[in-house]
Amino acid sequence: MAKFLSSLFKPRAWVAKLLLILVIVGFAAFGYLGYLDPIREYLDSDNFSFNIGDTRFSAYLLVKAVFIVILLFWLVGILSEALENRIKSLRRIKSSNKALIIKAIQTAIYFLAFLFVLGVLGIDLTALTIFSGAVGIGVGFGLQKIASNFISGIILLFEKSVEEGDLIELNDGIIGYVQETGARYTRIETFEGHETMVPNEDFITNRVTNWTYSNSRTRVDINIGVAYGTDLDLASRLIVEAAQEHPRCMETPAAECFLVDFADSSINFTLYFWIENVSEGRMRPRSDVLFAIWRKFGEHNIEIPFPQRDIHLRNPEALK
């Protein structure tokens, strides 16, 4: 049903558009020649009408309203699509600004179309005040989330805190690239290849990590332990060299290795090094540096220990 209404108000195929034009022209011609007068008089009779305040409603008015709404929304859809394509073709405007302009234009066009329909049908807005309270409350509760997401989307476009192409991470663990910011949701393409629709409200009320907000560089952390008795200065130098030799390792800030703990089974180091573009991924340079550390430790006979425990038998005679 939803697809049918969508195709009716905004047809895509040229055949559908042609048929719709023929139907509109046919109705207009029959109405001009007077062939539809008997139908109009029958539907506009008192048997099919009722009054709300000083305004009279009838079945003819309903049919006329549906016909005008379909025609107007079709024309508005064509105009909105043409303006959207025109705005998207502008290269001097950022994608976020384009989305904001398109959203504002579409809202204004459909609001003016709504007022135009009421004017053509001769409906006075003051006649609807009887239902304004109940309808307002019902619509307020029913469309609360939709309105919240719509306003949140506008806030995001104004703040530019989340834009198309940004790499973001949400509280629930979703990580991916922003592909589109719509009126109700933001479409994110995750590393797994699927697309997730996140309500715009989540970006306003929850904590969001934007890996590419002000810059695209990021730090990679590697924890590694060596056995007791190891030359710690040599181990630290080899760890830093493994990072510096990687082509994606930045010179500034420089890679650093810290001695962090004398643990039960190992002496633990932490390596920090920075890469320039997080959009290219962090796992590959981290893996490459770990491989390089493994090879360097092997060349210098540095052992990476595993947990060991000493067992002291208080009564060894019992084993016999």
C-alpha atoms as a PDB file:
ATOM      1  CA  MET A   1       0.000   0.000   0.000  1.00  0.00           C
ATOM      2  CA  ALA A   2       2.809   2.381   0.880  1.00  0.00           C
ATOM      3  CA  LYS A   3       4.567   1.676  -2.433  1.00  0.00           C
ATOM      4  CA  PHE A   4       1.302   2.263  -4.313  1.00  0.00           C
ATOM      5  CA  LEU A   5       0.737   5.644  -2.646  1.00  0.00           C
ATOM      6  CA  SER A   6       4.364   6.600  -3.232  1.00  0.00           C
ATOM      7  CA  SER A   7       4.115   5.744  -6.922  1.00  0.00           C
ATOM      8  CA  LEU A   8       0.802   7.595  -7.116  1.00  0.00           C
ATOM      9  CA  PHE A   9       2.068  10.836  -5.563  1.00  0.00           C
ATOM     10  CA  LYS A  10       5.548  10.636  -7.059  1.00  0.00           C
ATOM     11  CA  PRO A  11       5.694   8.380 -10.136  1.00  0.00           C
ATOM     12  CA  ARG A  12       9.150   7.405 -11.328  1.00  0.00           C
ATOM     13  CA  ALA A  13       8.671   5.600 -14.653  1.00  0.00           C
ATOM     14  CA  TRP A  14       7.838   7.669 -17.705  1.00  0.00           C
ATOM     15  CA  VAL A  15       4.874   5.398 -18.496  1.00  0.00           C
ATOM     16  CA  ALA A  16       3.299   6.150 -15.113  1.00  0.00           C
ATOM     17  CA  LYS A  17       3.838   9.864 -15.637  1.00  0.00           C
ATOM     18  CA  LEU A  18       2.281   9.691 -19.101  1.00  0.00           C
ATOM     19  CA  LEU A  19      -0.776   7.799 -17.835  1.00  0.00           C
ATOM     20  CA  LEU A  20      -1.205  10.273 -15.005  1.00  0.00           C
ATOM     21  CA  ILE A  21      -1.053  13.181 -17.445  1.00  0.00           C
ATOM     22  CA  LEU A  22      -3.666  11.517 -19.684  1.00  0.00           C
ATOM     23  CA  VAL A  23      -5.980  10.953 -16.723  1.00  0.00           C
ATOM     24  CA  ILE A  24      -5.627  14.567 -15.604  1.00  0.00           C
ATOM     25  CA  VAL A  25      -6.225  15.910 -19.110  1.00  0.00           C
ATOM     26  CA  GLY A  26      -9.214  13.583 -19.530  1.00  0.00           C
ATOM     27  CA  PHE A  27     -10.858  14.691 -16.306  1.00  0.00           C
ATOM     28  CA  ALA A  28     -10.221  18.330 -17.143  1.00  0.00           C
ATOM     29  CA  ALA A  29     -11.729  17.895 -20.611  1.00  0.00           C
ATOM     30  CA  PHE A  30     -14.817  16.062 -19.342  1.00  0.00           C
ATOM     31  CA  GLY A  31     -15.317  18.672 -16.639  1.00  0.00           C
ATOM     32  CA  TYR A  32     -15.001  21.547 -19.120  1.00  0.00           C
ATOM     33  CA  LEU A  33     -17.508  19.941 -21.510  1.00  0.00           C
ATOM     34  CA  GLY A  34     -19.998  19.372 -18.686  1.00  0.00           C
ATOM     35  CA  TYR A  35     -20.043  15.574 -18.720  1.00  0.00           C
ATOM     36  CA  LEU A  36     -19.140  15.437 -15.036  1.00  0.00           C
ATOM     37  CA  ASP A  37     -21.874  17.809 -13.872  1.00  0.00           C
ATOM     38  CA  PRO A  38     -24.389  15.034 -12.976  1.00  0.00           C
ATOM     39  CA  ILE A  39     -21.738  13.245 -10.921  1.00  0.00           C
ATOM     40  CA  ARG A  40     -20.761  16.481  -9.207  1.00  0.00           C
ATOM     41  CA  GLU A  41     -24.380  17.341  -8.341  1.00  0.00           C
ATOM     42  CA  TYR A  42     -25.009  13.848  -6.997  1.00  0.00           C
ATOM     43  CA  LEU A  43     -21.886  13.790  -4.812  1.00  0.00           C
ATOM     44  CA  ASP A  44     -22.520  17.360  -3.672  1.00  0.00           C
ATOM     45  CA  SER A  45     -26.083  16.680  -2.558  1.00  0.00           C
ATOM     46  CA  ASP A  46     -27.231  16.918   1.020  1.00  0.00           C
ATOM     47  CA  ASN A  47     -27.224  13.130   1.353  1.00  0.00           C
ATOM     48  CA  PHE A  48     -23.440  13.098   1.064  1.00  0.00           C
ATOM     49  CA  SER A  49     -22.562  16.235   3.001  1.00  0.00           C
ATOM     50  CA  PHE A  50     -22.171  17.500   6.562  1.00  0.00           C
ATOM     51  CA  ASN A  51     -21.244  20.757   8.232  1.00  0.00           C
ATOM     52  CA  ILE A  52     -18.471  21.618  10.656  1.00  0.00           C
ATOM     53  CA  GLY A  53     -19.129  25.099  11.949  1.00  0.00           C
ATOM     54  CA  ASP A  54     -19.805  27.320   8.944  1.00  0.00           C
ATOM     55  CA  THR A  55     -17.950  25.031   6.537  1.00  0.00           C
ATOM     56  CA  ARG A  56     -19.797  22.461   4.435  1.00  0.00           C
ATOM     57  CA  PHE A  57     -18.092  19.163   3.551  1.00  0.00           C
ATOM     58  CA  SER A  58     -19.334  16.719   0.927  1.00  0.00           C
ATOM     59  CA  ALA A  59     -18.269  13.618  -0.973  1.00  0.00           C
ATOM     60  CA  TYR A  60     -17.602  15.827  -3.996  1.00  0.00           C
ATOM     61  CA  LEU A  61     -15.277  17.979  -1.938  1.00  0.00           C
ATOM     62  CA  LEU A  62     -13.450  14.845  -0.779  1.00  0.00           C
ATOM     63  CA  VAL A  63     -13.015  13.534  -4.338  1.00  0.00           C
ATOM     64  CA  LYS A  64     -11.935  16.983  -5.486  1.00  0.00           C
ATOM     65  CA  ALA A  65      -9.456  17.191  -2.624  1.00  0.00           C
ATOM     66  CA  VAL A  66      -7.919  13.801  -3.443  1.00  0.00           C
ATOM     67  CA  PHE A  67      -7.603  14.743  -7.108  1.00  0.00           C
ATOM     68  CA  ILE A  68      -5.994  18.124  -6.328  1.00  0.00           C
ATOM     69  CA  VAL A  69      -3.665  16.631  -3.707  1.00  0.00           C
ATOM     70  CA  ILE A  70      -2.413  13.964  -6.139  1.00  0.00           C
ATOM     71  CA  LEU A  71      -1.877  16.539  -8.885  1.00  0.00           C
ATOM     72  CA  LEU A  72      -0.229  19.058  -6.587  1.00  0.00           C
ATOM     73  CA  PHE A  73       2.054  16.546  -4.872  1.00  0.00           C
ATOM     74  CA  TRP A  74       3.068  15.208  -8.270  1.00  0.00           C
ATOM     75  CA  LEU A  75       4.010  18.673  -9.473  1.00  0.00           C
ATOM     76  CA  VAL A  76       5.706  19.492  -6.164  1.00  0.00           C
ATOM     77  CA  GLY A  77       7.636  16.203  -6.321  1.00  0.00           C
ATOM     78  CA  ILE A  78       8.921  17.038  -9.801  1.00  0.00           C
ATOM     79  CA  LEU A  79       9.883  20.554  -8.706  1.00  0.00           C
ATOM     80  CA  SER A  80      11.545  19.287  -5.511  1.00  0.00           C
ATOM     81  CA  GLU A  81      13.512  16.623  -7.391  1.00  0.00           C
ATOM     82  CA  ALA A  82      14.674  19.150  -9.992  1.00  0.00           C
ATOM     83  CA  LEU A  83      15.840  21.586  -7.299  1.00  0.00           C
ATOM     84  CA  GLU A  84      17.544  18.770  -5.378  1.00  0.00           C
ATOM     85  CA  ASN A  85      19.497  17.652  -8.437  1.00  0.00           C
ATOM     86  CA  ARG A  86      20.427  21.253  -9.171  1.00  0.00           C
ATOM     87  CA  ILE A  87      21.700  21.877  -5.638  1.00  0.00           C
ATOM     88  CA  LYS A  88      23.642  18.591  -5.561  1.00  0.00           C
ATOM     89  CA  SER A  89      25.446  19.606  -8.752  1.00  0.00           C
ATOM     90  CA  LEU A  90      26.895  22.720  -7.088  1.00  0.00           C
ATOM     91  CA  ARG A  91      30.540  22.085  -6.242  1.00  0.00           C
ATOM     92  CA  ARG A  92      31.223  25.140  -4.083  1.00  0.00           C
ATOM     93  CA  ILE A  93      28.794  24.053  -1.354  1.00  0.00           C
ATOM     94  CA  LYS A  94      29.630  21.315   1.154  1.00  0.00           C
ATOM     95  CA  SER A  95      27.499  18.191   1.248  1.00  0.00           C
ATOM     96  CA  SER A  96      26.126  19.053   4.700  1.00  0.00           C
ATOM     97  CA  ASN A  97      25.068  22.522   3.514  1.00  0.00           C
ATOM     98  CA  LYS A  98      23.469  20.980   0.442  1.00  0.00           C
ATOM     99  CA  ALA A  99      21.429  18.635   2.615  1.00  0.00           C
ATOM    100  CA  LEU A 100      20.335  21.529   4.825  1.00  0.00           C
ATOM    101  CA  ILE A 101      19.280  23.671   1.847  1.00  0.00           C
ATOM    102  CA  ILE A 102      17.396  20.774   0.248  1.00  0.00           C
ATOM    103  CA  LYS A 103      15.599  20.010   3.512  1.00  0.00           C
ATOM    104  CA  ALA A 104      14.578  23.652   3.998  1.00  0.00           C
ATOM    105  CA  ILE A 105      13.334  23.994   0.403  1.00  0.00           C
ATOM    106  CA  GLN A 106      11.324  20.761   0.551  1.00  0.00           C
ATOM    107  CA  THR A 107       9.727  21.771   3.856  1.00  0.00           C
ATOM    108  CA  ALA A 108       8.758  25.186   2.485  1.00  0.00           C
ATOM    109  CA  ILE A 109       7.403  23.763  -0.777  1.00  0.00           C
ATOM    110  CA  TYR A 110       5.205  21.145   0.872  1.00  0.00           C
ATOM    111  CA  PHE A 111       3.936  23.641   3.468  1.00  0.00           C
ATOM    112  CA  LEU A 112       2.944  26.106   0.737  1.00  0.00           C
ATOM    113  CA  ALA A 113       1.333  23.261  -1.209  1.00  0.00           C
ATOM    114  CA  PHE A 114      -0.715  22.323   1.859  1.00  0.00           C
ATOM    115  CA  LEU A 115      -1.945  25.909   2.268  1.00  0.00           C
ATOM    116  CA  PHE A 116      -2.709  26.090  -1.460  1.00  0.00           C
ATOM    117  CA  VAL A 117      -4.848  22.938  -1.288  1.00  0.00           C
ATOM    118  CA  LEU A 118      -6.856  24.356   1.616  1.00  0.00           C
ATOM    119  CA  GLY A 119      -7.346  27.597  -0.299  1.00  0.00           C
ATOM    120  CA  VAL A 120      -8.504  25.859  -3.492  1.00  0.00           C
ATOM    121  CA  LEU A 121     -10.948  23.688  -1.559  1.00  0.00           C
ATOM    122  CA  GLY A 122     -12.314  26.735   0.218  1.00  0.00           C
ATOM    123  CA  ILE A 123     -11.587  25.382   3.682  1.00  0.00           C
ATOM    124  CA  ASP A 124     -11.207  28.040   6.357  1.00  0.00           C
ATOM    125  CA  LEU A 125      -8.551  27.131   8.903  1.00  0.00           C
ATOM    126  CA  THR A 126     -10.697  28.611  11.673  1.00  0.00           C
ATOM    127  CA  ALA A 127     -13.302  25.943  10.953  1.00  0.00           C
ATOM    128  CA  LEU A 128     -10.873  23.290  12.091  1.00  0.00           C
ATOM    129  CA  THR A 129     -10.356  24.809  15.539  1.00  0.00           C
ATOM    130  CA  ILE A 130     -12.902  22.367  16.976  1.00  0.00           C
ATOM    131  CA  PHE A 131     -10.479  19.511  16.428  1.00  0.00           C
ATOM    132  CA  SER A 132      -7.285  21.457  17.007  1.00  0.00           C
ATOM    133  CA  GLY A 133      -6.938  20.558  20.686  1.00  0.00           C
ATOM    134  CA  ALA A 134      -7.549  16.817  20.410  1.00  0.00           C
ATOM    135  CA  VAL A 135      -5.728  16.464  17.109  1.00  0.00           C
ATOM    136  CA  GLY A 136      -2.835  18.532  18.405  1.00  0.00           C
ATOM    137  CA  ILE A 137      -2.414  16.332  21.458  1.00  0.00           C
ATOM    138  CA  GLY A 138      -2.736  13.132  19.423  1.00  0.00           C
ATOM    139  CA  VAL A 139      -0.314  14.272  16.777  1.00  0.00           C
ATOM    140  CA  GLY A 140       2.037  15.576  19.456  1.00  0.00           C
ATOM    141  CA  PHE A 141       2.294  12.183  21.141  1.00  0.00           C
ATOM    142  CA  GLY A 142       2.255  10.195  17.923  1.00  0.00           C
ATOM    143  CA  LEU A 143       4.847  12.257  16.091  1.00  0.00           C
ATOM    144  CA  GLN A 144       7.027  13.089  19.070  1.00  0.00           C
ATOM    145  CA  LYS A 145       9.908  10.869  17.965  1.00  0.00           C
ATOM    146  CA  ILE A 146       9.567  11.878  14.326  1.00  0.00           C
ATOM    147  CA  ALA A 147       9.674  15.575  15.225  1.00  0.00           C
ATOM    148  CA  SER A 148      12.601  14.979  17.568  1.00  0.00           C
ATOM    149  CA  ASN A 149      14.563  13.148  14.870  1.00  0.00           C
ATOM    150  CA  PHE A 150      13.727  15.825  12.305  1.00  0.00           C
ATOM    151  CA  ILE A 151      14.894  18.659  14.554  1.00  0.00           C
ATOM    152  CA  SER A 152      17.973  16.650  15.561  1.00  0.00           C
ATOM    153  CA  GLY A 153      18.840  16.213  11.882  1.00  0.00           C
ATOM    154  CA  ILE A 154      18.645  19.970  11.343  1.00  0.00           C
ATOM    155  CA  ILE A 155      20.849  20.551  14.407  1.00  0.00           C
ATOM    156  CA  LEU A 156      23.428  18.096  13.048  1.00  0.00           C
ATOM    157  CA  LEU A 157      23.474  19.884   9.706  1.00  0.00           C
ATOM    158  CA  PHE A 158      23.933  23.279  11.380  1.00  0.00           C
ATOM    159  CA  GLU A 159      26.590  22.106  13.857  1.00  0.00           C
ATOM    160  CA  LYS A 160      28.408  19.964  11.269  1.00  0.00           C
ATOM    161  CA  SER A 161      29.499  17.655  14.078  1.00  0.00           C
ATOM    162  CA  VAL A 162      28.604  14.609  11.956  1.00  0.00           C
ATOM    163  CA  GLU A 163      28.980  14.945   8.188  1.00  0.00           C
ATOM    164  CA  GLU A 164      28.976  12.619   5.225  1.00  0.00           C
ATOM    165  CA  GLY A 165      32.224  10.666   4.997  1.00  0.00           C
ATOM    166  CA  ASP A 166      33.009  10.880   8.728  1.00  0.00           C
ATOM    167  CA  LEU A 167      34.129   7.774  10.604  1.00  0.00           C
ATOM    168  CA  ILE A 168      32.028   7.543  13.762  1.00  0.00           C
ATOM    169  CA  GLU A 169      31.586   5.151  16.672  1.00  0.00           C
ATOM    170  CA  LEU A 170      28.393   4.944  18.741  1.00  0.00           C
ATOM    171  CA  ASN A 171      27.829   3.822  22.301  1.00  0.00           C
ATOM    172  CA  ASP A 172      26.389   0.484  21.218  1.00  0.00           C
ATOM    173  CA  GLY A 173      29.558  -0.407  19.316  1.00  0.00           C
ATOM    174  CA  ILE A 174      28.445   0.556  15.793  1.00  0.00           C
ATOM    175  CA  ILE A 175      31.448   1.828  13.807  1.00  0.00           C
ATOM    176  CA  GLY A 176      31.264   3.003  10.222  1.00  0.00           C
ATOM    177  CA  TYR A 177      31.179   5.823   7.720  1.00  0.00           C
ATOM    178  CA  VAL A 178      28.329   8.322   7.464  1.00  0.00           C
ATOM    179  CA  GLN A 179      26.762   8.012   4.031  1.00  0.00           C
ATOM    180  CA  GLU A 180      23.690  10.226   4.341  1.00  0.00           C
ATOM    181  CA  THR A 181      21.914  12.442   6.862  1.00  0.00           C
ATOM    182  CA  GLY A 182      18.183  12.294   6.207  1.00  0.00           C
ATOM    183  CA  ALA A 183      15.141  13.904   7.796  1.00  0.00           C
ATOM    184  CA  ARG A 184      14.599  11.015  10.233  1.00  0.00           C
ATOM    185  CA  TYR A 185      17.790   8.969  10.349  1.00  0.00           C
ATOM    186  CA  THR A 186      21.462   8.924   9.456  1.00  0.00           C
ATOM    187  CA  ARG A 187      22.656   6.086   7.230  1.00  0.00           C
ATOM    188  CA  ILE A 188      25.945   4.489   8.324  1.00  0.00           C
ATOM    189  CA  GLU A 189      27.917   1.907   6.345  1.00  0.00           C
ATOM    190  CA  THR A 190      29.763  -0.367   8.765  1.00  0.00           C
ATOM    191  CA  PHE A 191      33.024  -2.227   8.221  1.00  0.00           C
ATOM    192  CA  GLU A 192      31.023  -5.430   7.733  1.00  0.00           C
ATOM    193  CA  GLY A 193      29.478  -3.934   4.595  1.00  0.00           C
ATOM    194  CA  HIS A 194      25.905  -3.524   5.814  1.00  0.00           C
ATOM    195  CA  GLU A 195      24.073  -0.239   6.271  1.00  0.00           C
ATOM    196  CA  THR A 196      22.586   0.835   9.599  1.00  0.00           C
ATOM    197  CA  MET A 197      19.876   3.483   9.959  1.00  0.00           C
ATOM    198  CA  VAL A 198      20.497   5.390  13.194  1.00  0.00           C
ATOM    199  CA  PRO A 199      17.844   7.870  14.441  1.00  0.00           C
ATOM    200  CA  ASN A 200      19.146  11.419  14.415  1.00  0.00           C
ATOM    201  CA  GLU A 201      18.132  11.828  18.048  1.00  0.00           C
ATOM    202  CA  ASP A 202      20.833   9.331  19.099  1.00  0.00           C
ATOM    203  CA  PHE A 203      23.546  11.691  17.862  1.00  0.00           C
ATOM    204  CA  ILE A 204      22.193  14.490  20.080  1.00  0.00           C
ATOM    205  CA  THR A 205      21.374  12.624  23.304  1.00  0.00           C
ATOM    206  CA  ASN A 206      24.121   9.967  23.337  1.00  0.00           C
ATOM    207  CA  ARG A 207      27.908  10.055  23.277  1.00  0.00           C
ATOM    208  CA  VAL A 208      29.330   9.798  19.767  1.00  0.00           C
ATOM    209  CA  THR A 209      32.994   9.408  18.806  1.00  0.00           C
ATOM    210  CA  ASN A 210      33.871  11.108  15.528  1.00  0.00           C
ATOM    211  CA  TRP A 211      37.293   9.814  14.466  1.00  0.00           C
ATOM    212  CA  THR A 212      37.586  12.379  11.663  1.00  0.00           C
ATOM    213  CA  TYR A 213      35.908  15.469  13.177  1.00  0.00           C
ATOM    214  CA  SER A 214      38.839  17.923  13.390  1.00  0.00           C
ATOM    215  CA  ASN A 215      41.648  15.685  12.075  1.00  0.00           C
ATOM    216  CA  SER A 216      42.038  12.153  10.768  1.00  0.00           C
ATOM    217  CA  ARG A 217      45.132  11.068  12.657  1.00  0.00           C
ATOM    218  CA  THR A 218      44.897   8.518  15.467  1.00  0.00           C
ATOM    219  CA  ARG A 219      47.131   6.765  17.968  1.00  0.00           C
ATOM    220  CA  VAL A 220      47.804   3.029  17.932  1.00  0.00           C
ATOM    221  CA  ASP A 221      48.616   1.332  21.259  1.00  0.00           C
ATOM    222  CA  ILE A 222      50.512  -1.939  21.586  1.00  0.00           C
ATOM    223  CA  ASN A 223      51.174  -3.705  24.898  1.00  0.00           C
ATOM    224  CA  ILE A 224      54.046  -6.207  24.960  1.00  0.00           C
ATOM    225  CA  GLY A 225      56.011  -7.990  27.653  1.00  0.00           C
ATOM    226  CA  VAL A 226      59.591  -9.345  27.823  1.00  0.00           C
ATOM    227  CA  ALA A 227      61.169 -11.888  30.137  1.00  0.00           C
ATOM    228  CA  TYR A 228      63.092 -10.968  33.274  1.00  0.00           C
ATOM    229  CA  GLY A 229      66.817 -10.739  32.549  1.00  0.00           C
ATOM    230  CA  THR A 230      66.244  -8.984  29.198  1.00  0.00           C
ATOM    231  CA  ASP A 231      68.248  -5.904  28.261  1.00  0.00           C
ATOM    232  CA  LEU A 232      65.425  -3.404  28.720  1.00  0.00           C
ATOM    233  CA  ASP A 233      67.123  -0.566  26.848  1.00  0.00           C
ATOM    234  CA  LEU A 234      67.642  -2.841  23.825  1.00  0.00           C
ATOM    235  CA  ALA A 235      64.057  -4.093  23.957  1.00  0.00           C
ATOM    236  CA  SER A 236      62.687  -0.551  24.154  1.00  0.00           C
ATOM    237  CA  ARG A 237      64.838   0.573  21.203  1.00  0.00           C
ATOM    238  CA  LEU A 238      63.748  -2.404  19.063  1.00  0.00           C
ATOM    239  CA  ILE A 239      60.077  -1.743  19.789  1.00  0.00           C
ATOM    240  CA  VAL A 240      60.383   1.904  18.736  1.00  0.00           C
ATOM    241  CA  GLU A 241      62.335   0.948  15.595  1.00  0.00           C
ATOM    242  CA  ALA A 242      59.609  -1.510  14.585  1.00  0.00           C
ATOM    243  CA  ALA A 243      57.074   1.332  14.646  1.00  0.00           C
ATOM    244  CA  GLN A 244      59.290   3.931  12.968  1.00  0.00           C
ATOM    245  CA  GLU A 245      60.059   1.602  10.059  1.00  0.00           C
ATOM    246  CA  HIS A 246      56.394   1.317   9.164  1.00  0.00           C
ATOM    247  CA  PRO A 247      55.473   3.659   6.255  1.00  0.00           C
ATOM    248  CA  ARG A 248      52.281   4.900   7.920  1.00  0.00           C
ATOM    249  CA  CYS A 249      53.950   5.836  11.213  1.00  0.00           C
ATOM    250  CA  MET A 250      54.058   9.629  11.666  1.00  0.00           C
ATOM    251  CA  GLU A 251      57.287  11.391  12.592  1.00  0.00           C
ATOM    252  CA  THR A 252      55.406  13.971  14.658  1.00  0.00           C
ATOM    253  CA  PRO A 253      54.257  12.969  17.224  1.00  0.00           C
ATOM    254  CA  ALA A 254      57.101  10.499  17.381  1.00  0.00           C
ATOM    255  CA  ALA A 255      56.670   6.867  18.402  1.00  0.00           C
ATOM    256  CA  GLU A 256      57.336   6.289  22.094  1.00  0.00           C
ATOM    257  CA  CYS A 257      57.842   3.213  24.263  1.00  0.00           C
ATOM    258  CA  PHE A 258      57.150   3.244  28.003  1.00  0.00           C
ATOM    259  CA  LEU A 259      58.019   0.783  30.719  1.00  0.00           C
ATOM    260  CA  VAL A 260      54.728   0.374  32.552  1.00  0.00           C
ATOM    261  CA  ASP A 261      54.906  -2.606  34.910  1.00  0.00           C
ATOM    262  CA  PHE A 262      57.032  -5.284  36.568  1.00  0.00           C
ATOM    263  CA  ALA A 263      54.446  -8.024  36.410  1.00  0.00           C
ATOM    264  CA  ASP A 264      54.476 -11.574  37.796  1.00  0.00           C
ATOM    265  CA  SER A 265      55.791 -13.213  34.639  1.00  0.00           C
ATOM    266  CA  SER A 266      57.026 -10.353  32.458  1.00  0.00           C
ATOM    267  CA  ILE A 267      58.249  -6.783  32.260  1.00  0.00           C
ATOM    268  CA  ASN A 268      55.601  -4.892  30.335  1.00  0.00           C
ATOM    269  CA  PHE A 269      56.057  -2.121  27.779  1.00  0.00           C
ATOM    270  CA  THR A 270      53.480   0.056  25.988  1.00  0.00           C
ATOM    271  CA  LEU A 271      54.163   1.402  22.494  1.00  0.00           C
ATOM    272  CA  TYR A 272      52.418   4.527  21.211  1.00  0.00           C
ATOM    273  CA  PHE A 273      52.660   5.544  17.580  1.00  0.00           C
ATOM    274  CA  TRP A 274      50.464   7.719  15.367  1.00  0.00           C
ATOM    275  CA  ILE A 275      49.112   7.157  11.873  1.00  0.00           C
ATOM    276  CA  GLU A 276      47.921   9.894   9.529  1.00  0.00           C
ATOM    277  CA  ASN A 277      44.582   8.719   8.099  1.00  0.00           C
ATOM    278  CA  VAL A 278      42.387   6.594  10.334  1.00  0.00           C
ATOM    279  CA  SER A 279      39.999   6.028   7.415  1.00  0.00           C
ATOM    280  CA  GLU A 280      42.586   3.681   5.901  1.00  0.00           C
ATOM    281  CA  GLY A 281      42.338   1.445   8.956  1.00  0.00           C
ATOM    282  CA  ARG A 282      44.277   0.834  12.158  1.00  0.00           C
ATOM    283  CA  MET A 283      44.463  -2.962  12.213  1.00  0.00           C
ATOM    284  CA  ARG A 284      46.926  -3.347   9.337  1.00  0.00           C
ATOM    285  CA  PRO A 285      49.682  -1.045  10.751  1.00  0.00           C
ATOM    286  CA  ARG A 286      49.199  -2.534  14.222  1.00  0.00           C
ATOM    287  CA  SER A 287      49.567  -6.036  12.820  1.00  0.00           C
ATOM    288  CA  ASP A 288      52.623  -5.076  10.743  1.00  0.00           C
ATOM    289  CA  VAL A 289      54.360  -3.527  13.754  1.00  0.00           C
ATOM    290  CA  LEU A 290      53.645  -6.607  15.877  1.00  0.00           C
ATOM    291  CA  PHE A 291      55.200  -8.803  13.187  1.00  0.00           C
ATOM    292  CA  ALA A 292      58.230  -6.509  13.068  1.00  0.00           C
ATOM    293  CA  ILE A 293      58.642  -6.659  16.862  1.00  0.00           C
ATOM    294  CA  TRP A 294      58.426 -10.450  16.768  1.00  0.00           C
ATOM    295  CA  ARG A 295      61.157 -10.651  14.120  1.00  0.00           C
ATOM    296  CA  LYS A 296      63.455  -8.177  15.903  1.00  0.00           C
ATOM    297  CA  PHE A 297      63.046  -9.976  19.216  1.00  0.00           C
ATOM    298  CA  GLY A 298      63.887 -13.245  17.499  1.00  0.00           C
ATOM    299  CA  GLU A 299      67.034 -11.779  15.943  1.00  0.00           C
ATOM    300  CA  HIS A 300      68.260 -10.567  19.363  1.00  0.00           C
ATOM    301  CA  ASN A 301      67.108 -13.598  21.357  1.00  0.00           C
ATOM    302  CA  ILE A 302      64.603 -11.598  23.409  1.00  0.00           C
ATOM    303  CA  GLU A 303      61.962 -13.841  24.906  1.00  0.00           C
ATOM    304  CA  ILE A 304      58.298 -12.973  25.136  1.00  0.00           C
ATOM    305  CA  PRO A 305      57.295 -14.916  28.248  1.00  0.00           C
ATOM    306  CA  PHE A 306      54.099 -16.715  29.132  1.00  0.00           C
ATOM    307  CA  PRO A 307      52.708 -17.053  32.665  1.00  0.00           C
ATOM    308  CA  GLN A 308      54.722 -19.450  34.839  1.00  0.00           C
ATOM    309  CA  ARG A 309      54.187 -20.707  38.368  1.00  0.00           C
ATOM    310  CA  ASP A 310      56.605 -22.326  40.843  1.00  0.00           C
ATOM    311  CA  ILE A 311      55.153 -25.258  42.815  1.00  0.00           C
ATOM    312  CA  HIS A 312      56.675 -26.014  46.212  1.00  0.00           C
ATOM    313  CA  LEU A 313      55.835 -29.420  47.691  1.00  0.00           C
ATOM    314  CA  ARG A 314      55.717 -29.345  51.469  1.00  0.00           C
ATOM    315  CA  ASN A 315      55.556 -33.148  51.740  1.00  0.00           C
ATOM    316  CA  PRO A 316      57.420 -34.667  48.769  1.00  0.00           C
ATOM    317  CA  GLU A 317      57.534 -38.095  50.458  1.00  0.00           C
ATOM    318  CA  ALA A 318      53.822 -38.428  49.758  1.00  0.00           C
ATOM    319  CA  LEU A 319      54.521 -38.646  46.005  1.00  0.00           C
ATOM    320  CA  LYS A 320      56.382 -41.960  46.569  1.00  0.00           C
END
